[in-house]
Amino acid sequence: MNAKMKVLSLALVGMFGYVGGAIAACPTGPTTAEGGAWTAKFVSGGSSSMSIATPGLDGSECKLRVSLGNNGLAQAQVMDDTPANEPHYRAQFLFDAGALTGANGASQAVIFAANAPAVYGGLLQLVKVNFSGSGGGSTTAGKRIIIRTACAGGAGSLCGSAPITLPNQTGVNRIEFDLVVGATGALRFWVTDGAASGGTDASPTGTITVTGGNAGWTGVDKAYMGLSTPTAAFRSGNADTNAFFDRFDSRRQTFIGG
């Protein structure tokens, strides 16, 4: 097993990227330079912001708080460069969209991306997860995610899931995926209430057929978590509104679960 974990609640990153302890203090920021676990952070676009907040989403001390300003290029993301062109990549994180509105179906923003080392087929992102409204929701209903993955035979080199309703509309959700890169390629995903089990390896929430394979992208080289590239509808309803992330974990092989 090769386990690589980034946990925002702790300032110390040990052999596996995580050192437990109930007395751990929050770092001043998410990056290693600030005492956190992430390689870098990117905050831009009007009033976009990022900070460490307490308590965490899963019994941890801290969580990542992000919001986007009313700007089409806005971003508030952290980056992990631990992956090294990984042909098999598993990742999980907790996402709390409780304050966001899902009232507009065109309201979308990227919440996670796993990038290849270079552009292939006009595309850099091997996996992209978008927050999406439903068109009839509010701050208590209508919030979904859409998962997309690179595939050589898809329109624009993309294949994707149908919109997935977040099990917990007002609190924490656990999102996990298992990506295999190769001549065939495969993507499985799990989306559960954050308070529930993450399921089992044999029972994903869904799968995405990687039409034409994804070997040209070779593997995952960087991961980004937070909010970015908001649509006009997202900015209209969710500008300067907080979303929260926690418990990011990435691995080569083993199922992560709850």
Protein backbone atom coordinates (compact mmCIF):
# COMPACT_ATOMS: atom_id res chain seq x y z
CA MET A 1 0.00 0.00 0.00
CA ASN A 2 1.16 3.53 -0.72
CA ALA A 3 -0.95 5.96 1.32
CA LYS A 4 -0.51 9.68 0.92
CA MET A 5 -2.67 11.91 3.07
CA LYS A 6 -3.09 15.66 3.35
CA VAL A 7 -5.08 16.66 6.43
CA LEU A 8 -5.74 20.34 7.00
CA SER A 9 -6.16 20.01 10.73
CA LEU A 10 -2.50 19.26 11.41
CA ALA A 11 0.71 21.23 11.02
CA LEU A 12 2.95 18.15 11.04
CA VAL A 13 3.25 15.94 7.98
CA GLY A 14 4.99 12.68 8.73
CA MET A 15 5.78 9.47 6.88
CA PHE A 16 2.26 9.13 5.52
CA GLY A 17 1.50 12.85 5.39
CA TYR A 18 -0.50 12.69 8.63
CA VAL A 19 0.35 12.66 12.31
CA GLY A 20 -2.65 12.20 14.60
CA GLY A 21 -3.31 13.92 17.89
CA ALA A 22 -6.25 15.62 19.52
CA ILE A 23 -4.09 18.51 20.71
CA ALA A 24 -2.84 19.49 17.27
CA ALA A 25 -3.17 23.21 16.60
CA CYS A 26 -4.41 24.67 13.34
CA PRO A 27 -1.73 25.94 10.97
CA THR A 28 -1.83 29.59 9.96
CA GLY A 29 -2.60 28.53 6.40
CA PRO A 30 -2.91 25.42 4.23
CA THR A 31 0.56 25.42 2.63
CA THR A 32 3.71 23.82 4.03
CA ALA A 33 5.23 27.30 4.37
CA GLU A 34 2.33 28.16 6.71
CA GLY A 35 2.53 24.93 8.69
CA GLY A 36 -0.06 23.07 6.61
CA ALA A 37 0.20 20.13 4.23
CA TRP A 38 -0.31 21.59 0.75
CA THR A 39 2.32 22.57 -1.79
CA ALA A 40 0.76 25.87 -2.82
CA LYS A 41 -2.41 27.96 -2.77
CA PHE A 42 -3.97 30.17 -5.42
CA VAL A 43 -6.39 32.94 -4.48
CA SER A 44 -7.41 35.55 -7.06
CA GLY A 45 -10.37 37.29 -8.62
CA GLY A 46 -11.96 40.19 -6.81
CA SER A 47 -12.87 39.37 -3.20
CA SER A 48 -11.97 35.65 -3.38
CA SER A 49 -10.62 34.38 -0.06
CA MET A 50 -9.17 31.34 1.74
CA SER A 51 -8.49 30.60 5.39
CA ILE A 52 -8.27 27.82 7.96
CA ALA A 53 -11.44 27.56 10.07
CA THR A 54 -12.38 25.50 13.10
CA PRO A 55 -13.73 22.97 13.89
CA GLY A 56 -13.07 20.48 11.09
CA LEU A 57 -15.65 18.47 9.16
CA ASP A 58 -14.82 15.01 10.48
CA GLY A 59 -13.84 15.41 14.11
CA SER A 60 -10.62 17.11 13.12
CA GLU A 61 -9.42 20.42 14.48
CA CYS A 62 -9.61 22.49 11.30
CA LYS A 63 -11.05 22.76 7.80
CA LEU A 64 -10.37 24.80 4.68
CA ARG A 65 -12.76 27.72 4.07
CA VAL A 66 -12.94 29.22 0.58
CA SER A 67 -15.13 31.72 -1.25
CA LEU A 68 -15.07 33.29 -4.71
CA GLY A 69 -15.46 36.90 -5.72
CA ASN A 70 -17.69 38.00 -8.58
CA ASN A 71 -15.09 37.37 -11.28
CA GLY A 72 -15.11 34.81 -14.08
CA LEU A 73 -11.46 33.91 -13.41
CA ALA A 74 -11.86 33.69 -9.63
CA GLN A 75 -10.11 30.88 -7.78
CA ALA A 76 -9.43 29.81 -4.20
CA GLN A 77 -7.61 26.48 -4.44
CA VAL A 78 -4.84 24.47 -2.83
CA MET A 79 -2.46 22.28 -4.85
CA ASP A 80 -0.84 18.93 -4.05
CA ASP A 81 2.15 17.94 -6.20
CA THR A 82 2.76 14.61 -4.41
CA PRO A 83 1.50 12.50 -7.35
CA ALA A 84 4.22 11.51 -9.82
CA ASN A 85 2.44 10.76 -13.10
CA GLU A 86 0.33 8.10 -11.37
CA PRO A 87 -1.43 5.60 -13.69
CA HIS A 88 -3.65 4.49 -10.78
CA TYR A 89 -4.92 7.29 -8.57
CA ARG A 90 -7.46 7.25 -5.75
CA ALA A 91 -8.54 10.39 -3.93
CA GLN A 92 -11.14 11.36 -1.34
CA PHE A 93 -12.19 14.62 0.30
CA LEU A 94 -15.00 16.07 2.39
CA PHE A 95 -17.09 18.88 0.92
CA ASP A 96 -19.62 21.07 2.73
CA ALA A 97 -21.77 23.13 0.36
CA GLY A 98 -24.36 23.95 3.00
CA ALA A 99 -24.20 27.72 2.50
CA LEU A 100 -24.21 27.58 -1.31
CA THR A 101 -27.42 27.82 -3.29
CA GLY A 102 -28.36 25.29 -5.94
CA ALA A 103 -31.20 27.42 -7.28
CA ASN A 104 -29.80 27.80 -10.80
CA GLY A 105 -28.97 24.82 -13.01
CA ALA A 106 -26.29 26.87 -14.76
CA SER A 107 -24.59 27.62 -11.42
CA GLN A 108 -21.31 25.69 -11.56
CA ALA A 109 -17.76 25.88 -10.22
CA VAL A 110 -14.89 23.40 -10.13
CA ILE A 111 -14.28 21.92 -6.66
CA PHE A 112 -11.56 19.37 -7.52
CA ALA A 113 -9.23 18.59 -10.43
CA ALA A 114 -6.56 15.95 -11.02
CA ASN A 115 -4.22 17.00 -13.82
CA ALA A 116 -2.02 15.06 -16.20
CA PRO A 117 1.61 16.17 -16.60
CA ALA A 118 0.90 17.59 -20.07
CA VAL A 119 -1.99 18.48 -22.36
CA TYR A 120 -3.25 15.64 -24.55
CA GLY A 121 -6.23 15.82 -26.87
CA GLY A 122 -6.55 19.51 -25.98
CA LEU A 123 -7.17 18.64 -22.31
CA LEU A 124 -5.03 18.73 -19.14
CA GLN A 125 -7.51 17.54 -16.50
CA LEU A 126 -7.82 13.78 -16.08
CA VAL A 127 -10.60 14.20 -13.52
CA LYS A 128 -12.73 17.26 -12.79
CA VAL A 129 -15.50 17.56 -10.20
CA ASN A 130 -17.96 20.45 -10.54
CA PHE A 131 -20.46 21.78 -8.04
CA SER A 132 -23.76 22.33 -9.86
CA GLY A 133 -27.18 23.71 -9.07
CA SER A 134 -30.36 21.94 -10.11
CA GLY A 135 -32.43 24.83 -11.40
CA GLY A 136 -35.03 24.57 -8.65
CA GLY A 137 -33.06 24.46 -5.46
CA SER A 138 -32.05 26.79 -2.65
CA THR A 139 -29.54 26.81 0.19
CA THR A 140 -31.29 23.72 1.55
CA ALA A 141 -31.96 21.78 -1.68
CA GLY A 142 -30.92 21.34 -5.28
CA LYS A 143 -27.14 20.93 -4.90
CA ARG A 144 -25.33 18.41 -7.06
CA ILE A 145 -21.91 17.51 -8.41
CA ILE A 146 -20.85 16.41 -11.89
CA ILE A 147 -17.74 14.25 -12.39
CA ARG A 148 -15.90 14.36 -15.70
CA THR A 149 -12.86 12.42 -16.89
CA ALA A 150 -10.53 12.52 -19.88
CA CYS A 151 -11.32 9.97 -22.58
CA ALA A 152 -9.89 9.82 -26.08
CA GLY A 153 -13.22 8.96 -27.72
CA GLY A 154 -15.44 11.51 -25.99
CA ALA A 155 -16.64 14.88 -27.28
CA GLY A 156 -13.86 17.33 -26.51
CA SER A 157 -11.91 14.42 -24.99
CA LEU A 158 -14.36 14.30 -22.06
CA CYS A 159 -16.72 11.66 -20.67
CA GLY A 160 -18.87 12.38 -17.64
CA SER A 161 -21.47 11.38 -15.10
CA ALA A 162 -25.03 12.55 -14.92
CA PRO A 163 -25.55 15.15 -12.17
CA ILE A 164 -25.26 13.48 -8.75
CA THR A 165 -27.44 14.93 -5.99
CA LEU A 166 -25.38 15.56 -2.86
CA PRO A 167 -26.73 13.23 -0.14
CA ASN A 168 -26.30 15.95 2.51
CA GLN A 169 -27.65 19.21 1.11
CA THR A 170 -26.93 21.23 4.26
CA GLY A 171 -23.71 19.65 5.52
CA VAL A 172 -20.80 17.34 4.82
CA ASN A 173 -20.44 14.96 1.88
CA ARG A 174 -17.69 12.44 1.20
CA ILE A 175 -16.48 12.26 -2.40
CA GLU A 176 -14.07 9.56 -3.57
CA PHE A 177 -12.94 8.29 -6.95
CA ASP A 178 -10.70 5.56 -8.34
CA LEU A 179 -9.04 6.36 -11.67
CA VAL A 180 -7.14 3.86 -13.83
CA VAL A 181 -5.17 5.27 -16.77
CA GLY A 182 -4.45 3.04 -19.76
CA ALA A 183 -5.58 1.71 -23.11
CA THR A 184 -8.98 0.94 -21.63
CA GLY A 185 -9.10 3.22 -18.58
CA ALA A 186 -11.73 3.27 -15.86
CA LEU A 187 -13.29 5.64 -13.33
CA ARG A 188 -15.42 4.65 -10.34
CA PHE A 189 -16.81 7.11 -7.79
CA TRP A 190 -18.46 7.15 -4.36
CA VAL A 191 -20.62 10.05 -3.12
CA THR A 192 -22.05 9.68 0.39
CA ASP A 193 -23.21 11.70 3.35
CA GLY A 194 -20.09 12.66 5.29
CA ALA A 195 -21.51 11.14 8.48
CA ALA A 196 -22.10 7.79 6.75
CA SER A 197 -19.67 5.11 5.73
CA GLY A 198 -17.73 5.73 2.54
CA GLY A 199 -19.13 2.45 1.20
CA THR A 200 -17.00 -0.46 0.04
CA ASP A 201 -14.63 -0.87 -2.87
CA ALA A 202 -17.02 -3.24 -4.61
CA SER A 203 -20.03 -0.91 -4.35
CA PRO A 204 -19.39 2.46 -6.01
CA THR A 205 -22.09 5.05 -6.41
CA GLY A 206 -21.38 4.94 -10.12
CA THR A 207 -18.87 4.46 -12.92
CA ILE A 208 -17.93 6.44 -16.01
CA THR A 209 -17.08 4.61 -19.23
CA VAL A 210 -13.74 5.91 -20.51
CA THR A 211 -14.54 5.82 -24.22
CA GLY A 212 -11.41 5.24 -26.31
CA GLY A 213 -9.22 4.89 -23.23
CA ASN A 214 -7.09 7.55 -21.54
CA ALA A 215 -3.52 6.29 -22.06
CA GLY A 216 -2.47 9.51 -23.81
CA TRP A 217 -2.71 11.44 -20.53
CA THR A 218 -0.29 8.91 -18.88
CA GLY A 219 -1.20 9.65 -15.24
CA VAL A 220 -2.09 12.13 -12.49
CA ASP A 221 0.65 14.63 -11.67
CA LYS A 222 -1.07 17.34 -9.59
CA ALA A 223 -4.32 17.75 -7.66
CA TYR A 224 -6.29 20.93 -6.90
CA MET A 225 -9.06 21.34 -4.30
CA GLY A 226 -11.22 24.38 -3.55
CA LEU A 227 -13.36 26.58 -5.81
CA SER A 228 -12.46 27.91 -9.26
CA THR A 229 -13.77 28.98 -12.68
CA PRO A 230 -17.29 29.96 -11.59
CA THR A 231 -20.03 30.46 -14.15
CA ALA A 232 -21.95 33.75 -14.22
CA ALA A 233 -24.89 32.01 -12.51
CA PHE A 234 -22.64 30.72 -9.71
CA ARG A 235 -21.26 34.22 -9.15
CA SER A 236 -24.76 35.68 -9.12
CA GLY A 237 -25.97 33.36 -6.37
CA ASN A 238 -22.80 32.36 -4.54
CA ALA A 239 -20.26 35.20 -4.72
CA ASP A 240 -18.50 35.67 -1.36
CA THR A 241 -20.29 32.58 0.03
CA ASN A 242 -18.26 30.05 2.00
CA ALA A 243 -17.69 26.42 1.07
CA PHE A 244 -15.62 24.06 3.24
CA PHE A 245 -13.23 21.17 2.54
CA ASP A 246 -11.37 18.70 4.74
CA ARG A 247 -9.69 15.28 4.99
CA PHE A 248 -8.13 15.06 1.55
CA ASP A 249 -6.41 11.69 1.05
CA SER A 250 -4.79 10.31 -2.11
CA ARG A 251 -3.42 6.82 -2.71
CA ARG A 252 -2.16 4.58 -5.49
CA GLN A 253 -4.05 1.42 -4.62
CA THR A 254 -6.20 1.00 -1.55
CA PHE A 255 -9.84 1.97 -1.09
CA ILE A 256 -10.17 4.86 1.36
CA GLY A 257 -13.80 4.80 2.49
CA GLY A 258 -15.29 6.30 5.64
